[in-house]
Amino acid sequence: MIASTLLALLRARHADDVFVDECKSGPTQLTEHERIDAWVMAKSWAHPMVTGYEIKVSRGDFLRDQKWQRYLPMCNALYFVCPAKLIAPNELPDDVGLMWASMTGSRLYTKKRAKPRDVTIPEDVWRYILMSRVRITREQFTSANKR
């Protein structure tokens, strides 16, 4: 299974949410930054939960990864997403979740729920999303739609 398959499953799962793949933690020119595989904000004024996803397709990549803890300030909940049985639920800290893809690669299953954390998403993340990832469109104004 390849990462793009898992990313497509996440995108479909969050079709009604704000979905940013390869989300960076801030500006990228002349500065260090983090890059999480997917950053998702539920479209809700009352509960704008931000979930981060780190995709792993090989056991070695998971075992070598020393950076995923730096994604925690970017989201209220963090999940690892991988092919079935690549990562065991007990290999992750209590507050980190786990999703497995089905053997056919057609569906994601939550194997371990992430515990939501009270996190204030850094302003640099919001600025990155607004400045680099949002497409601004302008409505054509005519006398018919002026108020």
N, C-alpha and C. Protein backbone atom coordinates (compact mmCIF):
# COMPACT_ATOMS: atom_id res chain seq x y z
N MET A 1 0.85 -1.18 0.00
CA MET A 1 0.00 0.00 0.00
C MET A 1 0.90 1.24 0.00
N ILE A 2 0.47 2.25 -0.73
CA ILE A 2 1.27 3.47 -0.83
C ILE A 2 0.58 4.63 -0.10
N ALA A 3 1.37 5.62 0.25
CA ALA A 3 0.87 6.76 1.04
C ALA A 3 -0.27 7.49 0.34
N SER A 4 -0.20 7.62 -0.98
CA SER A 4 -1.27 8.35 -1.69
C SER A 4 -2.62 7.67 -1.55
N THR A 5 -2.64 6.34 -1.42
CA THR A 5 -3.90 5.61 -1.20
C THR A 5 -4.48 5.98 0.16
N LEU A 6 -3.63 6.01 1.18
CA LEU A 6 -4.10 6.37 2.52
C LEU A 6 -4.55 7.82 2.57
N LEU A 7 -3.84 8.69 1.89
CA LEU A 7 -4.22 10.11 1.84
C LEU A 7 -5.58 10.27 1.16
N ALA A 8 -5.81 9.53 0.10
CA ALA A 8 -7.10 9.60 -0.60
C ALA A 8 -8.24 9.12 0.30
N LEU A 9 -7.99 8.09 1.10
CA LEU A 9 -9.01 7.61 2.04
C LEU A 9 -9.32 8.67 3.10
N LEU A 10 -8.29 9.34 3.58
CA LEU A 10 -8.50 10.42 4.56
C LEU A 10 -9.27 11.58 3.93
N ARG A 11 -8.91 11.94 2.72
CA ARG A 11 -9.60 13.04 2.04
C ARG A 11 -11.09 12.71 1.86
N ALA A 12 -11.40 11.49 1.49
CA ALA A 12 -12.80 11.08 1.34
C ALA A 12 -13.52 11.08 2.68
N ARG A 13 -12.85 10.64 3.72
CA ARG A 13 -13.44 10.60 5.06
C ARG A 13 -13.79 12.01 5.53
N HIS A 14 -13.02 12.99 5.11
CA HIS A 14 -13.19 14.38 5.56
C HIS A 14 -13.65 15.29 4.43
N ALA A 15 -14.49 14.76 3.56
CA ALA A 15 -14.95 15.52 2.39
C ALA A 15 -15.67 16.81 2.77
N ASP A 16 -16.29 16.87 3.93
CA ASP A 16 -17.03 18.06 4.35
C ASP A 16 -16.25 18.95 5.31
N ASP A 17 -14.99 18.64 5.52
CA ASP A 17 -14.16 19.39 6.46
C ASP A 17 -13.09 20.17 5.71
N VAL A 18 -12.37 21.02 6.43
CA VAL A 18 -11.21 21.70 5.86
C VAL A 18 -10.06 20.69 5.88
N PHE A 19 -9.56 20.35 4.70
CA PHE A 19 -8.54 19.31 4.57
C PHE A 19 -7.30 19.90 3.91
N VAL A 20 -6.17 19.83 4.60
CA VAL A 20 -4.90 20.35 4.07
C VAL A 20 -3.88 19.23 4.12
N ASP A 21 -3.47 18.74 2.95
CA ASP A 21 -2.42 17.73 2.95
C ASP A 21 -1.05 18.43 2.97
N GLU A 22 -0.05 17.73 3.49
CA GLU A 22 1.30 18.30 3.60
C GLU A 22 1.26 19.69 4.25
N CYS A 23 0.56 19.79 5.36
CA CYS A 23 0.39 21.07 6.04
C CYS A 23 1.66 21.44 6.81
N LYS A 24 2.12 22.64 6.57
CA LYS A 24 3.34 23.12 7.24
C LYS A 24 2.99 23.94 8.47
N SER A 25 3.94 24.04 9.36
CA SER A 25 3.72 24.73 10.64
C SER A 25 3.96 26.23 10.55
N GLY A 26 4.26 26.72 9.36
CA GLY A 26 4.50 28.15 9.20
C GLY A 26 5.26 28.42 7.92
N PRO A 27 5.87 29.60 7.83
CA PRO A 27 6.58 29.96 6.61
C PRO A 27 7.73 29.00 6.33
N THR A 28 8.03 28.83 5.06
CA THR A 28 9.05 27.84 4.70
C THR A 28 10.34 28.45 4.18
N GLN A 29 10.32 29.71 3.83
CA GLN A 29 11.54 30.32 3.31
C GLN A 29 12.47 30.73 4.45
N LEU A 30 13.68 30.22 4.39
CA LEU A 30 14.74 30.59 5.34
C LEU A 30 14.40 30.28 6.79
N THR A 31 13.56 29.29 7.02
CA THR A 31 13.22 28.91 8.40
C THR A 31 12.88 27.43 8.46
N GLU A 32 13.08 26.84 9.61
CA GLU A 32 12.69 25.44 9.80
C GLU A 32 11.20 25.37 10.03
N HIS A 33 10.61 24.28 9.61
CA HIS A 33 9.18 24.09 9.81
C HIS A 33 8.87 22.60 9.87
N GLU A 34 7.70 22.29 10.39
CA GLU A 34 7.21 20.91 10.42
C GLU A 34 6.24 20.74 9.26
N ARG A 35 6.06 19.49 8.83
CA ARG A 35 5.11 19.21 7.76
C ARG A 35 4.38 17.92 8.11
N ILE A 36 3.11 18.06 8.48
CA ILE A 36 2.29 16.91 8.82
C ILE A 36 1.57 16.43 7.56
N ASP A 37 1.36 15.12 7.45
CA ASP A 37 0.79 14.56 6.22
C ASP A 37 -0.61 15.09 5.92
N ALA A 38 -1.44 15.24 6.94
CA ALA A 38 -2.78 15.82 6.73
C ALA A 38 -3.21 16.55 7.99
N TRP A 39 -3.84 17.69 7.78
CA TRP A 39 -4.36 18.55 8.86
C TRP A 39 -5.81 18.81 8.51
N VAL A 40 -6.70 18.49 9.43
CA VAL A 40 -8.14 18.57 9.15
C VAL A 40 -8.83 19.34 10.26
N MET A 41 -9.67 20.30 9.86
CA MET A 41 -10.49 21.02 10.83
C MET A 41 -11.95 20.74 10.52
N ALA A 42 -12.65 20.25 11.53
CA ALA A 42 -14.09 20.02 11.37
C ALA A 42 -14.77 21.36 11.15
N LYS A 43 -15.67 21.42 10.19
CA LYS A 43 -16.41 22.66 9.93
C LYS A 43 -17.50 22.80 10.97
N SER A 44 -17.14 23.43 12.06
CA SER A 44 -18.08 23.60 13.17
C SER A 44 -17.68 24.84 13.95
N TRP A 45 -18.61 25.78 14.11
CA TRP A 45 -18.33 26.95 14.94
C TRP A 45 -18.25 26.54 16.40
N ALA A 46 -19.08 25.61 16.81
CA ALA A 46 -19.13 25.20 18.22
C ALA A 46 -17.96 24.30 18.61
N HIS A 47 -17.54 23.43 17.70
CA HIS A 47 -16.48 22.46 18.01
C HIS A 47 -15.49 22.35 16.84
N PRO A 48 -14.66 23.37 16.62
CA PRO A 48 -13.73 23.33 15.48
C PRO A 48 -12.50 22.46 15.77
N MET A 49 -12.73 21.18 15.94
CA MET A 49 -11.68 20.22 16.27
C MET A 49 -10.68 20.10 15.12
N VAL A 50 -9.40 20.17 15.45
CA VAL A 50 -8.34 19.99 14.47
C VAL A 50 -7.67 18.64 14.71
N THR A 51 -7.65 17.83 13.66
CA THR A 51 -7.05 16.50 13.73
C THR A 51 -5.87 16.43 12.78
N GLY A 52 -4.76 15.90 13.27
CA GLY A 52 -3.58 15.70 12.44
C GLY A 52 -3.40 14.22 12.14
N TYR A 53 -2.87 13.94 10.95
CA TYR A 53 -2.64 12.56 10.53
C TYR A 53 -1.21 12.40 10.03
N GLU A 54 -0.55 11.38 10.55
CA GLU A 54 0.79 11.02 10.10
C GLU A 54 0.68 9.65 9.44
N ILE A 55 1.01 9.59 8.16
CA ILE A 55 0.87 8.37 7.37
C ILE A 55 2.18 7.59 7.40
N LYS A 56 2.06 6.28 7.64
CA LYS A 56 3.23 5.39 7.62
C LYS A 56 2.90 4.18 6.75
N VAL A 57 3.78 3.85 5.81
CA VAL A 57 3.55 2.69 4.96
C VAL A 57 4.62 1.62 5.13
N SER A 58 5.62 1.91 5.97
CA SER A 58 6.62 0.87 6.25
C SER A 58 6.94 0.88 7.74
N ARG A 59 7.27 -0.28 8.22
CA ARG A 59 7.61 -0.45 9.63
C ARG A 59 8.86 0.36 9.98
N GLY A 60 9.83 0.35 9.09
CA GLY A 60 11.06 1.09 9.34
C GLY A 60 10.83 2.58 9.47
N ASP A 61 9.97 3.13 8.63
CA ASP A 61 9.65 4.55 8.70
C ASP A 61 9.04 4.88 10.06
N PHE A 62 8.13 4.04 10.52
CA PHE A 62 7.52 4.27 11.83
C PHE A 62 8.56 4.22 12.94
N LEU A 63 9.42 3.22 12.92
CA LEU A 63 10.41 3.05 13.99
C LEU A 63 11.46 4.15 14.00
N ARG A 64 11.79 4.69 12.83
CA ARG A 64 12.80 5.76 12.74
C ARG A 64 12.25 7.15 13.03
N ASP A 65 10.94 7.31 12.94
CA ASP A 65 10.34 8.65 13.03
C ASP A 65 10.55 9.24 14.42
N GLN A 66 11.27 10.34 14.47
CA GLN A 66 11.51 11.07 15.71
C GLN A 66 10.83 12.43 15.71
N LYS A 67 10.10 12.76 14.65
CA LYS A 67 9.55 14.11 14.51
C LYS A 67 8.07 14.23 14.83
N TRP A 68 7.34 13.12 14.90
CA TRP A 68 5.89 13.22 15.02
C TRP A 68 5.44 13.96 16.28
N GLN A 69 6.20 13.94 17.35
CA GLN A 69 5.81 14.66 18.57
C GLN A 69 5.73 16.17 18.33
N ARG A 70 6.49 16.66 17.35
CA ARG A 70 6.47 18.09 17.04
C ARG A 70 5.18 18.51 16.33
N TYR A 71 4.37 17.54 15.90
CA TYR A 71 3.08 17.86 15.28
C TYR A 71 1.99 18.11 16.32
N LEU A 72 2.20 17.70 17.54
CA LEU A 72 1.17 17.80 18.58
C LEU A 72 0.64 19.22 18.78
N PRO A 73 1.48 20.28 18.75
CA PRO A 73 0.94 21.63 18.91
C PRO A 73 0.06 22.08 17.74
N MET A 74 0.11 21.36 16.62
CA MET A 74 -0.65 21.75 15.43
C MET A 74 -2.08 21.20 15.42
N CYS A 75 -2.43 20.34 16.38
CA CYS A 75 -3.73 19.68 16.32
C CYS A 75 -4.24 19.31 17.71
N ASN A 76 -5.56 19.15 17.80
CA ASN A 76 -6.19 18.71 19.05
C ASN A 76 -6.12 17.20 19.23
N ALA A 77 -5.98 16.49 18.13
CA ALA A 77 -5.87 15.02 18.16
C ALA A 77 -4.93 14.60 17.04
N LEU A 78 -4.11 13.60 17.32
CA LEU A 78 -3.16 13.10 16.33
C LEU A 78 -3.38 11.61 16.12
N TYR A 79 -3.41 11.20 14.85
CA TYR A 79 -3.56 9.80 14.48
C TYR A 79 -2.43 9.37 13.56
N PHE A 80 -1.96 8.14 13.74
CA PHE A 80 -1.15 7.48 12.75
C PHE A 80 -2.10 6.71 11.86
N VAL A 81 -1.82 6.70 10.55
CA VAL A 81 -2.62 5.99 9.57
C VAL A 81 -1.68 5.07 8.81
N CYS A 82 -2.04 3.78 8.74
CA CYS A 82 -1.13 2.81 8.13
C CYS A 82 -1.91 1.60 7.60
N PRO A 83 -1.24 0.75 6.83
CA PRO A 83 -1.86 -0.51 6.45
C PRO A 83 -2.14 -1.35 7.71
N ALA A 84 -3.10 -2.23 7.62
CA ALA A 84 -3.49 -3.06 8.76
C ALA A 84 -2.29 -3.76 9.38
N LYS A 85 -2.20 -3.68 10.70
CA LYS A 85 -1.23 -4.38 11.54
C LYS A 85 0.20 -3.86 11.44
N LEU A 86 0.44 -2.80 10.68
CA LEU A 86 1.80 -2.25 10.58
C LEU A 86 2.24 -1.68 11.93
N ILE A 87 1.31 -1.02 12.62
CA ILE A 87 1.56 -0.44 13.95
C ILE A 87 0.52 -1.03 14.89
N ALA A 88 0.95 -1.47 16.04
CA ALA A 88 0.02 -1.99 17.05
C ALA A 88 -0.44 -0.84 17.94
N PRO A 89 -1.70 -0.87 18.38
CA PRO A 89 -2.20 0.21 19.24
C PRO A 89 -1.34 0.46 20.48
N ASN A 90 -0.79 -0.59 21.06
CA ASN A 90 0.00 -0.42 22.29
C ASN A 90 1.39 0.16 22.05
N GLU A 91 1.76 0.38 20.80
CA GLU A 91 3.05 1.02 20.49
C GLU A 91 2.98 2.54 20.53
N LEU A 92 1.78 3.07 20.70
CA LEU A 92 1.59 4.52 20.69
C LEU A 92 1.26 5.03 22.08
N PRO A 93 1.59 6.27 22.37
CA PRO A 93 1.20 6.86 23.66
C PRO A 93 -0.32 6.86 23.81
N ASP A 94 -0.78 6.95 25.04
CA ASP A 94 -2.22 6.87 25.34
C ASP A 94 -3.06 7.88 24.57
N ASP A 95 -2.53 9.09 24.33
CA ASP A 95 -3.35 10.13 23.71
C ASP A 95 -3.29 10.15 22.19
N VAL A 96 -2.48 9.29 21.57
CA VAL A 96 -2.34 9.25 20.11
C VAL A 96 -3.19 8.11 19.55
N GLY A 97 -3.92 8.42 18.46
CA GLY A 97 -4.81 7.44 17.86
C GLY A 97 -4.15 6.67 16.72
N LEU A 98 -4.87 5.65 16.26
CA LEU A 98 -4.38 4.78 15.19
C LEU A 98 -5.52 4.38 14.28
N MET A 99 -5.27 4.49 12.97
CA MET A 99 -6.21 4.01 11.96
C MET A 99 -5.48 3.04 11.05
N TRP A 100 -6.17 1.94 10.75
CA TRP A 100 -5.66 0.97 9.80
C TRP A 100 -6.49 1.02 8.53
N ALA A 101 -5.83 0.83 7.40
CA ALA A 101 -6.54 0.65 6.13
C ALA A 101 -6.92 -0.82 6.00
N SER A 102 -8.05 -1.06 5.38
CA SER A 102 -8.46 -2.44 5.12
C SER A 102 -7.43 -3.10 4.18
N MET A 103 -7.43 -4.40 4.14
CA MET A 103 -6.50 -5.13 3.28
C MET A 103 -6.69 -4.76 1.81
N THR A 104 -7.90 -4.41 1.43
CA THR A 104 -8.18 -4.03 0.04
C THR A 104 -7.83 -2.57 -0.23
N GLY A 105 -7.56 -1.80 0.82
CA GLY A 105 -7.23 -0.38 0.65
C GLY A 105 -8.44 0.47 0.32
N SER A 106 -9.63 -0.02 0.67
CA SER A 106 -10.85 0.70 0.32
C SER A 106 -11.48 1.43 1.51
N ARG A 107 -10.96 1.20 2.71
CA ARG A 107 -11.60 1.76 3.89
C ARG A 107 -10.61 1.94 5.03
N LEU A 108 -10.89 2.92 5.90
CA LEU A 108 -10.09 3.11 7.12
C LEU A 108 -10.89 2.66 8.33
N TYR A 109 -10.19 2.03 9.27
CA TYR A 109 -10.80 1.60 10.53
C TYR A 109 -10.06 2.25 11.68
N THR A 110 -10.79 2.78 12.63
CA THR A 110 -10.16 3.34 13.83
C THR A 110 -9.85 2.19 14.78
N LYS A 111 -8.58 1.96 15.02
CA LYS A 111 -8.16 0.90 15.94
C LYS A 111 -7.97 1.44 17.35
N LYS A 112 -7.66 2.73 17.44
CA LYS A 112 -7.46 3.36 18.75
C LYS A 112 -7.83 4.83 18.61
N ARG A 113 -8.73 5.30 19.43
CA ARG A 113 -9.15 6.70 19.38
C ARG A 113 -8.11 7.59 20.04
N ALA A 114 -7.84 8.72 19.40
CA ALA A 114 -6.96 9.72 20.01
C ALA A 114 -7.74 10.46 21.07
N LYS A 115 -7.08 10.80 22.14
CA LYS A 115 -7.71 11.61 23.19
C LYS A 115 -7.55 13.08 22.81
N PRO A 116 -8.67 13.79 22.68
CA PRO A 116 -8.57 15.22 22.33
C PRO A 116 -7.80 15.99 23.40
N ARG A 117 -6.97 16.90 22.94
CA ARG A 117 -6.18 17.74 23.83
C ARG A 117 -6.60 19.19 23.63
N ASP A 118 -6.56 19.95 24.69
CA ASP A 118 -6.89 21.38 24.62
C ASP A 118 -5.64 22.11 24.15
N VAL A 119 -5.60 22.41 22.85
CA VAL A 119 -4.43 23.02 22.23
C VAL A 119 -4.88 24.28 21.49
N THR A 120 -4.14 25.34 21.64
CA THR A 120 -4.36 26.53 20.82
C THR A 120 -3.45 26.39 19.61
N ILE A 121 -4.09 26.26 18.45
CA ILE A 121 -3.32 26.07 17.22
C ILE A 121 -2.47 27.32 16.98
N PRO A 122 -1.18 27.16 16.73
CA PRO A 122 -0.30 28.32 16.54
C PRO A 122 -0.73 29.21 15.38
N GLU A 123 -0.57 30.50 15.57
CA GLU A 123 -0.95 31.46 14.53
C GLU A 123 -0.21 31.20 13.22
N ASP A 124 1.03 30.75 13.29
CA ASP A 124 1.79 30.48 12.07
C ASP A 124 1.13 29.39 11.22
N VAL A 125 0.47 28.43 11.85
CA VAL A 125 -0.24 27.39 11.09
C VAL A 125 -1.41 28.01 10.34
N TRP A 126 -2.21 28.84 11.05
CA TRP A 126 -3.35 29.50 10.39
C TRP A 126 -2.87 30.38 9.24
N ARG A 127 -1.80 31.12 9.47
CA ARG A 127 -1.28 32.00 8.42
C ARG A 127 -0.80 31.20 7.21
N TYR A 128 -0.13 30.09 7.47
CA TYR A 128 0.33 29.25 6.37
C TYR A 128 -0.87 28.77 5.54
N ILE A 129 -1.90 28.27 6.22
CA ILE A 129 -3.07 27.76 5.50
C ILE A 129 -3.74 28.87 4.70
N LEU A 130 -3.93 30.02 5.32
CA LEU A 130 -4.60 31.13 4.62
C LEU A 130 -3.76 31.70 3.48
N MET A 131 -2.48 31.86 3.69
CA MET A 131 -1.63 32.49 2.69
C MET A 131 -1.18 31.54 1.58
N SER A 132 -1.04 30.27 1.90
CA SER A 132 -0.46 29.34 0.94
C SER A 132 -1.41 28.27 0.41
N ARG A 133 -2.50 28.02 1.12
CA ARG A 133 -3.32 26.88 0.72
C ARG A 133 -4.77 27.21 0.39
N VAL A 134 -5.23 28.39 0.77
CA VAL A 134 -6.62 28.77 0.51
C VAL A 134 -6.69 29.53 -0.81
N ARG A 135 -7.67 29.21 -1.57
CA ARG A 135 -7.89 29.93 -2.83
C ARG A 135 -9.00 30.94 -2.60
N ILE A 136 -8.70 32.20 -2.82
CA ILE A 136 -9.66 33.28 -2.63
C ILE A 136 -10.35 33.53 -3.97
N THR A 137 -11.65 33.55 -3.94
CA THR A 137 -12.41 33.87 -5.15
C THR A 137 -13.22 35.12 -4.87
N ARG A 138 -13.47 35.88 -5.90
CA ARG A 138 -14.23 37.11 -5.76
C ARG A 138 -15.54 36.97 -6.52
N GLU A 139 -16.60 37.34 -5.84
CA GLU A 139 -17.92 37.31 -6.47
C GLU A 139 -18.03 38.51 -7.40
N GLN A 140 -18.60 38.29 -8.55
CA GLN A 140 -18.86 39.39 -9.49
C GLN A 140 -20.07 40.17 -8.99
N PHE A 141 -19.89 41.45 -8.69
CA PHE A 141 -20.99 42.25 -8.20
C PHE A 141 -21.70 42.93 -9.36
N THR A 142 -23.00 42.84 -9.34
CA THR A 142 -23.85 43.55 -10.28
C THR A 142 -24.90 44.27 -9.49
N SER A 143 -25.65 45.11 -10.12
CA SER A 143 -26.70 45.82 -9.40
C SER A 143 -27.74 44.86 -8.85
N ALA A 144 -27.87 43.68 -9.44
CA ALA A 144 -28.87 42.71 -8.97
C ALA A 144 -28.48 42.09 -7.63
N ASN A 145 -27.20 41.96 -7.35
CA ASN A 145 -26.81 41.32 -6.07
C ASN A 145 -26.26 42.30 -5.04
N LYS A 146 -26.35 43.59 -5.30
CA LYS A 146 -25.96 44.59 -4.29
C LYS A 146 -27.05 44.66 -3.26
N ARG A 147 -26.66 44.91 -2.04
CA ARG A 147 -27.66 44.99 -0.96
C ARG A 147 -27.78 46.41 -0.49
